[in-house]
PDB file of all heavy atoms in Angstrom:
ATOM      1  N   GLU A   1      13.967  16.540  33.320  1.00  0.00           N
ATOM      2  CA  GLU A   1      14.152  16.019  34.678  1.00  0.00           C
ATOM      3  C   GLU A   1      12.930  15.251  35.159  1.00  0.00           C
ATOM      4  O   GLU A   1      13.047  14.134  35.700  1.00  0.00           O
ATOM      5  CB  GLU A   1      14.459  17.155  35.662  1.00  0.00           C
ATOM      6  CG  GLU A   1      15.874  17.684  35.597  1.00  0.00           C
ATOM      7  CD  GLU A   1      16.040  18.786  34.573  1.00  0.00           C
ATOM      8  OE1 GLU A   1      15.090  19.047  33.811  1.00  0.00           O
ATOM      9  OE2 GLU A   1      17.125  19.382  34.520  1.00  0.00           O
ATOM     10  N   GLU A   2      11.754  15.843  34.996  1.00  0.00           N
ATOM     11  CA  GLU A   2      10.537  15.213  35.511  1.00  0.00           C
ATOM     12  C   GLU A   2      10.222  13.873  34.867  1.00  0.00           C
ATOM     13  O   GLU A   2      10.049  12.864  35.578  1.00  0.00           O
ATOM     14  CB  GLU A   2       9.337  16.170  35.356  1.00  0.00           C
ATOM     15  CG  GLU A   2       9.211  17.198  36.460  1.00  0.00           C
ATOM     16  CD  GLU A   2      10.087  18.428  36.260  1.00  0.00           C
ATOM     17  OE1 GLU A   2      10.941  18.413  35.342  1.00  0.00           O
ATOM     18  OE2 GLU A   2       9.921  19.401  37.006  1.00  0.00           O
ATOM     19  N   PRO A   3      10.113  13.796  33.536  1.00  0.00           N
ATOM     20  CA  PRO A   3       9.756  12.502  32.948  1.00  0.00           C
ATOM     21  C   PRO A   3      10.795  11.416  33.191  1.00  0.00           C
ATOM     22  O   PRO A   3      10.435  10.250  33.375  1.00  0.00           O
ATOM     23  CB  PRO A   3       9.614  12.815  31.447  1.00  0.00           C
ATOM     24  CG  PRO A   3      10.352  14.081  31.238  1.00  0.00           C
ATOM     25  CD  PRO A   3      10.195  14.849  32.506  1.00  0.00           C
ATOM     26  N   LEU A   4      12.071  11.783  33.232  1.00  0.00           N
ATOM     27  CA  LEU A   4      13.090  10.758  33.447  1.00  0.00           C
ATOM     28  C   LEU A   4      13.082  10.275  34.898  1.00  0.00           C
ATOM     29  O   LEU A   4      13.224   9.079  35.158  1.00  0.00           O
ATOM     30  CB  LEU A   4      14.475  11.274  33.076  1.00  0.00           C
ATOM     31  CG  LEU A   4      15.587  10.231  33.168  1.00  0.00           C
ATOM     32  CD1 LEU A   4      15.279   9.020  32.287  1.00  0.00           C
ATOM     33  CD2 LEU A   4      16.937  10.817  32.801  1.00  0.00           C
ATOM     34  N   THR A   5      12.910  11.184  35.851  1.00  0.00           N
ATOM     35  CA  THR A   5      12.827  10.758  37.247  1.00  0.00           C
ATOM     36  C   THR A   5      11.626   9.839  37.440  1.00  0.00           C
ATOM     37  O   THR A   5      11.717   8.798  38.120  1.00  0.00           O
ATOM     38  CB  THR A   5      12.707  11.966  38.184  1.00  0.00           C
ATOM     39  OG1 THR A   5      13.737  12.903  37.896  1.00  0.00           O
ATOM     40  CG2 THR A   5      12.817  11.545  39.643  1.00  0.00           C
ATOM     41  N   ASN A   6      10.512  10.196  36.812  1.00  0.00           N
ATOM     42  CA  ASN A   6       9.314   9.360  36.884  1.00  0.00           C
ATOM     43  C   ASN A   6       9.579   7.978  36.288  1.00  0.00           C
ATOM     44  O   ASN A   6       9.185   6.948  36.855  1.00  0.00           O
ATOM     45  CB  ASN A   6       8.176  10.051  36.142  1.00  0.00           C
ATOM     46  CG  ASN A   6       6.865   9.313  36.254  1.00  0.00           C
ATOM     47  OD1 ASN A   6       6.390   9.026  37.349  1.00  0.00           O
ATOM     48  ND2 ASN A   6       6.257   9.011  35.114  1.00  0.00           N
ATOM     49  N   LEU A   7      10.275   7.944  35.156  1.00  0.00           N
ATOM     50  CA  LEU A   7      10.614   6.674  34.510  1.00  0.00           C
ATOM     51  C   LEU A   7      11.510   5.817  35.406  1.00  0.00           C
ATOM     52  O   LEU A   7      11.319   4.599  35.521  1.00  0.00           O
ATOM     53  CB  LEU A   7      11.295   6.961  33.177  1.00  0.00           C
ATOM     54  CG  LEU A   7      11.732   5.797  32.285  1.00  0.00           C
ATOM     55  CD1 LEU A   7      11.748   6.237  30.827  1.00  0.00           C
ATOM     56  CD2 LEU A   7      13.103   5.251  32.664  1.00  0.00           C
ATOM     57  N   MET A   8      12.480   6.445  36.060  1.00  0.00           N
ATOM     58  CA  MET A   8      13.456   5.690  36.850  1.00  0.00           C
ATOM     59  C   MET A   8      12.856   5.072  38.106  1.00  0.00           C
ATOM     60  O   MET A   8      13.466   4.162  38.694  1.00  0.00           O
ATOM     61  CB  MET A   8      14.640   6.585  37.213  1.00  0.00           C
ATOM     62  CG  MET A   8      15.472   7.014  36.000  1.00  0.00           C
ATOM     63  SD  MET A   8      16.146   5.638  35.032  1.00  0.00           S
ATOM     64  CE  MET A   8      17.748   5.443  35.807  1.00  0.00           C
ATOM     65  N   THR A   9      11.670   5.512  38.515  1.00  0.00           N
ATOM     66  CA  THR A   9      11.029   4.855  39.659  1.00  0.00           C
ATOM     67  C   THR A   9      10.692   3.399  39.347  1.00  0.00           C
ATOM     68  O   THR A   9      10.493   2.590  40.260  1.00  0.00           O
ATOM     69  CB  THR A   9       9.742   5.592  40.077  1.00  0.00           C
ATOM     70  OG1 THR A   9       8.807   5.590  38.985  1.00  0.00           O
ATOM     71  CG2 THR A   9      10.037   7.023  40.504  1.00  0.00           C
ATOM     72  N   GLU A  10      10.635   3.049  38.053  1.00  0.00           N
ATOM     73  CA  GLU A  10      10.364   1.668  37.662  1.00  0.00           C
ATOM     74  C   GLU A  10      11.617   0.793  37.661  1.00  0.00           C
ATOM     75  O   GLU A  10      11.523  -0.430  37.632  1.00  0.00           O
ATOM     76  CB  GLU A  10       9.727   1.635  36.270  1.00  0.00           C
ATOM     77  CG  GLU A  10       8.373   2.333  36.188  1.00  0.00           C
ATOM     78  CD  GLU A  10       7.723   2.118  34.830  1.00  0.00           C
ATOM     79  OE1 GLU A  10       8.041   1.103  34.172  1.00  0.00           O
ATOM     80  OE2 GLU A  10       6.903   2.979  34.432  1.00  0.00           O
ATOM     81  N   PHE A  11      12.801   1.429  37.697  1.00  0.00           N
ATOM     82  CA  PHE A  11      14.037   0.670  37.514  1.00  0.00           C
ATOM     83  C   PHE A  11      15.024   0.790  38.679  1.00  0.00           C
ATOM     84  O   PHE A  11      15.971   0.013  38.762  1.00  0.00           O
ATOM     85  CB  PHE A  11      14.725   1.119  36.218  1.00  0.00           C
ATOM     86  CG  PHE A  11      13.888   0.880  34.994  1.00  0.00           C
ATOM     87  CD1 PHE A  11      13.141   1.907  34.426  1.00  0.00           C
ATOM     88  CD2 PHE A  11      13.812  -0.385  34.417  1.00  0.00           C
ATOM     89  CE1 PHE A  11      12.357   1.688  33.305  1.00  0.00           C
ATOM     90  CE2 PHE A  11      13.032  -0.613  33.298  1.00  0.00           C
ATOM     91  CZ  PHE A  11      12.293   0.413  32.744  1.00  0.00           C
ATOM     92  N   ILE A  12      14.826   1.761  39.552  1.00  0.00           N
ATOM     93  CA  ILE A  12      15.729   1.929  40.694  1.00  0.00           C
ATOM     94  C   ILE A  12      14.976   1.578  41.970  1.00  0.00           C
ATOM     95  O   ILE A  12      13.997   2.249  42.330  1.00  0.00           O
ATOM     96  CB  ILE A  12      16.273   3.368  40.777  1.00  0.00           C
ATOM     97  CG1 ILE A  12      17.167   3.669  39.568  1.00  0.00           C
ATOM     98  CG2 ILE A  12      17.054   3.579  42.081  1.00  0.00           C
ATOM     99  CD1 ILE A  12      17.659   5.095  39.507  1.00  0.00           C
ATOM    100  N   HIS A  13      15.439   0.525  42.645  1.00  0.00           N
ATOM    101  CA  HIS A  13      14.809   0.095  43.894  1.00  0.00           C
ATOM    102  C   HIS A  13      15.842  -0.216  44.972  1.00  0.00           C
ATOM    103  O   HIS A  13      15.601  -0.006  46.151  1.00  0.00           O
ATOM    104  CB  HIS A  13      13.939  -1.143  43.655  1.00  0.00           C
ATOM    105  CG  HIS A  13      12.925  -0.954  42.574  1.00  0.00           C
ATOM    106  ND1 HIS A  13      11.831  -0.136  42.717  1.00  0.00           N
ATOM    107  CD2 HIS A  13      12.850  -1.470  41.308  1.00  0.00           C
ATOM    108  CE1 HIS A  13      11.120  -0.159  41.594  1.00  0.00           C
ATOM    109  NE2 HIS A  13      11.720  -0.963  40.730  1.00  0.00           N
ATOM    110  N   SER A  14      16.996  -0.707  44.543  1.00  0.00           N
ATOM    111  CA  SER A  14      18.026  -1.167  45.468  1.00  0.00           C
ATOM    112  C   SER A  14      19.338  -0.428  45.209  1.00  0.00           C
ATOM    113  O   SER A  14      19.547   0.144  44.123  1.00  0.00           O
ATOM    114  CB  SER A  14      18.241  -2.673  45.289  1.00  0.00           C
ATOM    115  OG  SER A  14      19.464  -3.103  45.836  1.00  0.00           O
ATOM    116  N   TYR A  15      20.226  -0.450  46.196  1.00  0.00           N
ATOM    117  CA  TYR A  15      21.564   0.125  46.014  1.00  0.00           C
ATOM    118  C   TYR A  15      22.298  -0.569  44.876  1.00  0.00           C
ATOM    119  O   TYR A  15      23.212   0.010  44.260  1.00  0.00           O
ATOM    120  CB  TYR A  15      22.371   0.021  47.318  1.00  0.00           C
ATOM    121  CG  TYR A  15      22.784  -1.368  47.715  1.00  0.00           C
ATOM    122  CD1 TYR A  15      24.012  -1.905  47.328  1.00  0.00           C
ATOM    123  CD2 TYR A  15      21.942  -2.189  48.485  1.00  0.00           C
ATOM    124  CE1 TYR A  15      24.389  -3.195  47.681  1.00  0.00           C
ATOM    125  CE2 TYR A  15      22.307  -3.474  48.842  1.00  0.00           C
ATOM    126  CZ  TYR A  15      23.536  -3.971  48.438  1.00  0.00           C
ATOM    127  OH  TYR A  15      23.915  -5.242  48.797  1.00  0.00           O
ATOM    128  N   LYS A  16      21.895  -1.788  44.549  1.00  0.00           N
ATOM    129  CA  LYS A  16      22.516  -2.515  43.445  1.00  0.00           C
ATOM    130  C   LYS A  16      22.148  -1.919  42.081  1.00  0.00           C
ATOM    131  O   LYS A  16      22.797  -2.213  41.079  1.00  0.00           O
ATOM    132  CB  LYS A  16      22.102  -3.985  43.492  1.00  0.00           C
ATOM    133  CG  LYS A  16      22.604  -4.721  44.737  1.00  0.00           C
ATOM    134  CD  LYS A  16      22.141  -6.165  44.743  1.00  0.00           C
ATOM    135  CE  LYS A  16      22.620  -6.915  45.994  1.00  0.00           C
ATOM    136  NZ  LYS A  16      22.156  -8.313  46.018  1.00  0.00           N
ATOM    137  N   ASP A  17      21.088  -1.100  42.054  1.00  0.00           N
ATOM    138  CA  ASP A  17      20.660  -0.471  40.802  1.00  0.00           C
ATOM    139  C   ASP A  17      21.391   0.843  40.532  1.00  0.00           C
ATOM    140  O   ASP A  17      21.151   1.480  39.497  1.00  0.00           O
ATOM    141  CB  ASP A  17      19.151  -0.203  40.843  1.00  0.00           C
ATOM    142  CG  ASP A  17      18.333  -1.465  41.032  1.00  0.00           C
ATOM    143  OD1 ASP A  17      18.724  -2.497  40.463  1.00  0.00           O
ATOM    144  OD2 ASP A  17      17.314  -1.401  41.752  1.00  0.00           O
ATOM    145  N   LEU A  18      22.247   1.251  41.450  1.00  0.00           N
ATOM    146  CA  LEU A  18      22.922   2.538  41.365  1.00  0.00           C
ATOM    147  C   LEU A  18      24.439   2.369  41.400  1.00  0.00           C
ATOM    148  O   LEU A  18      24.935   1.372  41.931  1.00  0.00           O
ATOM    149  CB  LEU A  18      22.469   3.433  42.529  1.00  0.00           C
ATOM    150  CG  LEU A  18      20.996   3.840  42.521  1.00  0.00           C
ATOM    151  CD1 LEU A  18      20.603   4.448  43.850  1.00  0.00           C
ATOM    152  CD2 LEU A  18      20.733   4.826  41.385  1.00  0.00           C
ATOM    153  N   PRO A  19      25.175   3.331  40.826  1.00  0.00           N
ATOM    154  CA  PRO A  19      24.714   4.549  40.169  1.00  0.00           C
ATOM    155  C   PRO A  19      24.206   4.266  38.757  1.00  0.00           C
ATOM    156  O   PRO A  19      24.499   3.212  38.179  1.00  0.00           O
ATOM    157  CB  PRO A  19      25.963   5.418  40.134  1.00  0.00           C
ATOM    158  CG  PRO A  19      27.093   4.424  40.021  1.00  0.00           C
ATOM    159  CD  PRO A  19      26.658   3.259  40.867  1.00  0.00           C
ATOM    160  N   ALA A  20      23.466   5.217  38.212  1.00  0.00           N
ATOM    161  CA  ALA A  20      22.972   5.119  36.839  1.00  0.00           C
ATOM    162  C   ALA A  20      23.163   6.471  36.164  1.00  0.00           C
ATOM    163  O   ALA A  20      22.893   7.516  36.761  1.00  0.00           O
ATOM    164  CB  ALA A  20      21.503   4.713  36.824  1.00  0.00           C
ATOM    165  N   TYR A  21      23.646   6.430  34.917  1.00  0.00           N
ATOM    166  CA  TYR A  21      23.895   7.659  34.155  1.00  0.00           C
ATOM    167  C   TYR A  21      23.268   7.484  32.776  1.00  0.00           C
ATOM    168  O   TYR A  21      23.692   6.613  32.009  1.00  0.00           O
ATOM    169  CB  TYR A  21      25.399   7.918  34.019  1.00  0.00           C
ATOM    170  CG  TYR A  21      26.158   7.774  35.317  1.00  0.00           C
ATOM    171  CD1 TYR A  21      27.180   6.830  35.448  1.00  0.00           C
ATOM    172  CD2 TYR A  21      25.850   8.562  36.427  1.00  0.00           C
ATOM    173  CE1 TYR A  21      27.888   6.689  36.624  1.00  0.00           C
ATOM    174  CE2 TYR A  21      26.543   8.429  37.610  1.00  0.00           C
ATOM    175  CZ  TYR A  21      27.558   7.488  37.715  1.00  0.00           C
ATOM    176  OH  TYR A  21      28.236   7.346  38.898  1.00  0.00           O
ATOM    177  N   VAL A  22      22.261   8.265  32.477  1.00  0.00           N
ATOM    178  CA  VAL A  22      21.569   8.140  31.191  1.00  0.00           C
ATOM    179  C   VAL A  22      21.524   9.489  30.497  1.00  0.00           C
ATOM    180  O   VAL A  22      21.462  10.533  31.142  1.00  0.00           O
ATOM    181  CB  VAL A  22      20.146   7.573  31.363  1.00  0.00           C
ATOM    182  CG1 VAL A  22      20.193   6.149  31.884  1.00  0.00           C
ATOM    183  CG2 VAL A  22      19.316   8.434  32.300  1.00  0.00           C
ATOM    184  N   TYR A  23      21.576   9.447  29.169  1.00  0.00           N
ATOM    185  CA  TYR A  23      21.567  10.710  28.419  1.00  0.00           C
ATOM    186  C   TYR A  23      20.836  10.511  27.103  1.00  0.00           C
ATOM    187  O   TYR A  23      20.569   9.387  26.663  1.00  0.00           O
ATOM    188  CB  TYR A  23      22.988  11.200  28.172  1.00  0.00           C
ATOM    189  CG  TYR A  23      23.769  10.419  27.130  1.00  0.00           C
ATOM    190  CD1 TYR A  23      23.841  10.853  25.805  1.00  0.00           C
ATOM    191  CD2 TYR A  23      24.446   9.241  27.469  1.00  0.00           C
ATOM    192  CE1 TYR A  23      24.565  10.152  24.861  1.00  0.00           C
ATOM    193  CE2 TYR A  23      25.171   8.531  26.528  1.00  0.00           C
ATOM    194  CZ  TYR A  23      25.224   8.989  25.214  1.00  0.00           C
ATOM    195  OH  TYR A  23      25.934   8.283  24.266  1.00  0.00           O
ATOM    196  N   GLN A  24      20.548  11.634  26.464  1.00  0.00           N
ATOM    197  CA  GLN A  24      19.856  11.608  25.177  1.00  0.00           C
ATOM    198  C   GLN A  24      20.259  12.821  24.348  1.00  0.00           C
ATOM    199  O   GLN A  24      20.787  13.807  24.863  1.00  0.00           O
ATOM    200  CB  GLN A  24      18.338  11.639  25.392  1.00  0.00           C
ATOM    201  CG  GLN A  24      17.871  12.917  26.075  1.00  0.00           C
ATOM    202  CD  GLN A  24      16.362  13.037  26.152  1.00  0.00           C
ATOM    203  OE1 GLN A  24      15.610  12.379  25.431  1.00  0.00           O
ATOM    204  NE2 GLN A  24      15.882  13.906  27.025  1.00  0.00           N
ATOM    205  N   PHE A  25      20.005  12.732  23.042  1.00  0.00           N
ATOM    206  CA  PHE A  25      19.998  13.886  22.154  1.00  0.00           C
ATOM    207  C   PHE A  25      18.534  14.076  21.771  1.00  0.00           C
ATOM    208  O   PHE A  25      17.949  13.215  21.102  1.00  0.00           O
ATOM    209  CB  PHE A  25      20.858  13.636  20.913  1.00  0.00           C
ATOM    210  CG  PHE A  25      22.332  13.552  21.197  1.00  0.00           C
ATOM    211  CD1 PHE A  25      22.930  12.327  21.460  1.00  0.00           C
ATOM    212  CD2 PHE A  25      23.113  14.697  21.211  1.00  0.00           C
ATOM    213  CE1 PHE A  25      24.293  12.246  21.728  1.00  0.00           C
ATOM    214  CE2 PHE A  25      24.472  14.622  21.484  1.00  0.00           C
ATOM    215  CZ  PHE A  25      25.063  13.394  21.734  1.00  0.00           C
ATOM    216  N   GLN A  26      17.956  15.156  22.203  1.00  0.00           N
ATOM    217  CA  GLN A  26      16.516  15.326  22.066  1.00  0.00           C
ATOM    218  C   GLN A  26      16.194  16.769  21.700  1.00  0.00           C
ATOM    219  O   GLN A  26      16.851  17.692  22.166  1.00  0.00           O
ATOM    220  CB  GLN A  26      15.831  14.949  23.385  1.00  0.00           C
ATOM    221  CG  GLN A  26      14.352  15.233  23.497  1.00  0.00           C
ATOM    222  CD  GLN A  26      13.523  14.445  22.514  1.00  0.00           C
ATOM    223  OE1 GLN A  26      13.427  14.834  21.353  1.00  0.00           O
ATOM    224  NE2 GLN A  26      12.924  13.351  22.948  1.00  0.00           N
ATOM    225  N   THR A  27      15.196  16.945  20.851  1.00  0.00           N
ATOM    226  CA  THR A  27      14.752  18.283  20.499  1.00  0.00           C
ATOM    227  C   THR A  27      13.982  18.896  21.663  1.00  0.00           C
ATOM    228  O   THR A  27      13.073  18.273  22.209  1.00  0.00           O
ATOM    229  CB  THR A  27      13.869  18.253  19.246  1.00  0.00           C
ATOM    230  OG1 THR A  27      14.611  17.661  18.174  1.00  0.00           O
ATOM    231  CG2 THR A  27      13.442  19.648  18.846  1.00  0.00           C
ATOM    232  N   LYS A  28      14.374  20.108  22.024  1.00  0.00           N
ATOM    233  CA  LYS A  28      13.693  20.852  23.075  1.00  0.00           C
ATOM    234  C   LYS A  28      12.951  22.031  22.447  1.00  0.00           C
ATOM    235  O   LYS A  28      13.335  22.534  21.381  1.00  0.00           O
ATOM    236  CB  LYS A  28      14.700  21.374  24.114  1.00  0.00           C
ATOM    237  CG  LYS A  28      15.529  20.281  24.786  1.00  0.00           C
ATOM    238  CD  LYS A  28      14.698  19.425  25.731  1.00  0.00           C
ATOM    239  CE  LYS A  28      15.556  18.604  26.672  1.00  0.00           C
ATOM    240  NZ  LYS A  28      16.265  17.488  26.030  1.00  0.00           N
ATOM    241  N   PHE A  29      11.909  22.463  23.134  1.00  0.00           N
ATOM    242  CA  PHE A  29      11.094  23.575  22.650  1.00  0.00           C
ATOM    243  C   PHE A  29      10.951  24.599  23.768  1.00  0.00           C
ATOM    244  O   PHE A  29      10.526  24.248  24.874  1.00  0.00           O
ATOM    245  CB  PHE A  29       9.715  23.078  22.209  1.00  0.00           C
ATOM    246  CG  PHE A  29       9.768  22.078  21.096  1.00  0.00           C
ATOM    247  CD1 PHE A  29       9.903  20.717  21.367  1.00  0.00           C
ATOM    248  CD2 PHE A  29       9.681  22.473  19.770  1.00  0.00           C
ATOM    249  CE1 PHE A  29       9.957  19.781  20.348  1.00  0.00           C
ATOM    250  CE2 PHE A  29       9.738  21.542  18.744  1.00  0.00           C
ATOM    251  CZ  PHE A  29       9.871  20.187  19.031  1.00  0.00           C
ATOM    252  N   ARG A  30      11.298  25.839  23.480  1.00  0.00           N
ATOM    253  CA  ARG A  30      11.154  26.905  24.464  1.00  0.00           C
ATOM    254  C   ARG A  30      10.556  28.132  23.790  1.00  0.00           C
ATOM    255  O   ARG A  30      11.090  28.622  22.795  1.00  0.00           O
ATOM    256  CB  ARG A  30      12.500  27.227  25.125  1.00  0.00           C
ATOM    257  CG  ARG A  30      13.023  26.041  25.940  1.00  0.00           C
ATOM    258  CD  ARG A  30      14.346  26.311  26.621  1.00  0.00           C
ATOM    259  NE  ARG A  30      14.814  25.099  27.306  1.00  0.00           N
ATOM    260  CZ  ARG A  30      15.988  24.968  27.894  1.00  0.00           C
ATOM    261  NH1 ARG A  30      16.834  25.993  27.900  1.00  0.00           N
ATOM    262  NH2 ARG A  30      16.325  23.833  28.485  1.00  0.00           N
ATOM    263  N   ASN A  31       9.451  28.585  24.343  1.00  0.00           N
ATOM    264  CA  ASN A  31       8.703  29.690  23.751  1.00  0.00           C
ATOM    265  C   ASN A  31       9.332  31.022  24.152  1.00  0.00           C
ATOM    266  O   ASN A  31       8.762  31.802  24.918  1.00  0.00           O
ATOM    267  CB  ASN A  31       7.243  29.616  24.199  1.00  0.00           C
ATOM    268  CG  ASN A  31       6.327  30.505  23.375  1.00  0.00           C
ATOM    269  OD1 ASN A  31       6.765  31.148  22.430  1.00  0.00           O
ATOM    270  ND2 ASN A  31       5.064  30.540  23.742  1.00  0.00           N
ATOM    271  N   GLU A  32      10.539  31.248  23.610  1.00  0.00           N
ATOM    272  CA  GLU A  32      11.272  32.472  23.915  1.00  0.00           C
ATOM    273  C   GLU A  32      10.518  33.681  23.361  1.00  0.00           C
ATOM    274  O   GLU A  32       9.998  33.649  22.243  1.00  0.00           O
ATOM    275  CB  GLU A  32      12.675  32.422  23.293  1.00  0.00           C
ATOM    276  CG  GLU A  32      13.520  31.230  23.717  1.00  0.00           C
ATOM    277  CD  GLU A  32      14.128  31.407  25.093  1.00  0.00           C
ATOM    278  OE1 GLU A  32      13.906  32.472  25.724  1.00  0.00           O
ATOM    279  OE2 GLU A  32      14.831  30.481  25.535  1.00  0.00           O
ATOM    280  N   LYS A  33      10.485  34.746  24.146  1.00  0.00           N
ATOM    281  CA  LYS A  33       9.807  35.964  23.682  1.00  0.00           C
ATOM    282  C   LYS A  33      10.503  36.549  22.471  1.00  0.00           C
ATOM    283  O   LYS A  33       9.866  37.099  21.580  1.00  0.00           O
ATOM    284  CB  LYS A  33       9.751  36.983  24.813  1.00  0.00           C
ATOM    285  CG  LYS A  33       8.819  36.577  25.950  1.00  0.00           C
ATOM    286  CD  LYS A  33       8.766  37.645  27.029  1.00  0.00           C
ATOM    287  CE  LYS A  33       7.813  37.222  28.153  1.00  0.00           C
ATOM    288  NZ  LYS A  33       7.758  38.225  29.245  1.00  0.00           N
ATOM    289  N   ARG A  34      11.836  36.447  22.464  1.00  0.00           N
ATOM    290  CA  ARG A  34      12.592  36.979  21.334  1.00  0.00           C
ATOM    291  C   ARG A  34      13.736  36.038  21.002  1.00  0.00           C
ATOM    292  O   ARG A  34      14.712  35.950  21.744  1.00  0.00           O
ATOM    293  CB  ARG A  34      13.142  38.369  21.659  1.00  0.00           C
ATOM    294  CG  ARG A  34      13.927  39.000  20.513  1.00  0.00           C
ATOM    295  CD  ARG A  34      14.244  40.457  20.804  1.00  0.00           C
ATOM    296  NE  ARG A  34      15.090  41.016  19.756  1.00  0.00           N
ATOM    297  CZ  ARG A  34      16.410  41.130  19.860  1.00  0.00           C
ATOM    298  NH1 ARG A  34      17.012  40.740  20.973  1.00  0.00           N
ATOM    299  NH2 ARG A  34      17.121  41.645  18.881  1.00  0.00           N
ATOM    300  N   ALA A  35      13.571  35.280  19.928  1.00  0.00           N
ATOM    301  CA  ALA A  35      14.639  34.387  19.487  1.00  0.00           C
ATOM    302  C   ALA A  35      15.732  35.225  18.830  1.00  0.00           C
ATOM    303  O   ALA A  35      15.447  36.092  18.008  1.00  0.00           O
ATOM    304  CB  ALA A  35      14.090  33.360  18.505  1.00  0.00           C
ATOM    305  N   LYS A  36      16.971  34.991  19.217  1.00  0.00           N
ATOM    306  CA  LYS A  36      18.064  35.797  18.679  1.00  0.00           C
ATOM    307  C   LYS A  36      19.346  34.968  18.687  1.00  0.00           C
ATOM    308  O   LYS A  36      19.339  33.803  19.062  1.00  0.00           O
ATOM    309  CB  LYS A  36      18.254  37.063  19.517  1.00  0.00           C
ATOM    310  CG  LYS A  36      18.479  36.800  20.997  1.00  0.00           C
ATOM    311  CD  LYS A  36      18.598  38.102  21.774  1.00  0.00           C
ATOM    312  CE  LYS A  36      18.823  37.821  23.259  1.00  0.00           C
ATOM    313  NZ  LYS A  36      18.972  39.054  24.032  1.00  0.00           N
ATOM    314  N   SER A  37      20.415  35.575  18.236  1.00  0.00           N
ATOM    315  CA  SER A  37      21.737  34.946  18.225  1.00  0.00           C
ATOM    316  C   SER A  37      21.818  33.742  17.306  1.00  0.00           C
ATOM    317  O   SER A  37      22.620  32.824  17.532  1.00  0.00           O
ATOM    318  CB  SER A  37      22.156  34.553  19.653  1.00  0.00           C
ATOM    319  OG  SER A  37      22.155  35.679  20.509  1.00  0.00           O
ATOM    320  N   GLY A  38      20.998  33.699  16.249  1.00  0.00           N
ATOM    321  CA  GLY A  38      21.079  32.613  15.284  1.00  0.00           C
ATOM    322  C   GLY A  38      20.801  31.270  15.925  1.00  0.00           C
ATOM    323  O   GLY A  38      19.844  31.120  16.695  1.00  0.00           O
ATOM    324  N   ILE A  39      21.661  30.277  15.638  1.00  0.00           N
ATOM    325  CA  ILE A  39      21.424  28.934  16.185  1.00  0.00           C
ATOM    326  C   ILE A  39      21.907  28.805  17.629  1.00  0.00           C
ATOM    327  O   ILE A  39      21.810  27.729  18.218  1.00  0.00           O
ATOM    328  CB  ILE A  39      22.079  27.839  15.321  1.00  0.00           C
ATOM    329  CG1 ILE A  39      23.596  28.012  15.223  1.00  0.00           C
ATOM    330  CG2 ILE A  39      21.457  27.820  13.934  1.00  0.00           C
ATOM    331  CD1 ILE A  39      24.296  26.853  14.523  1.00  0.00           C
TER     332      ILE A  39
END
């Protein structure tokens, strides 16, 4: 949420720039205390 909102401040200025829907497939990292349930 944070990096994308920061990025969009460069591209959204007017009502003409909206709506915008962007997505990605990205590796996430979470330091879980106990990894379980396989994948």
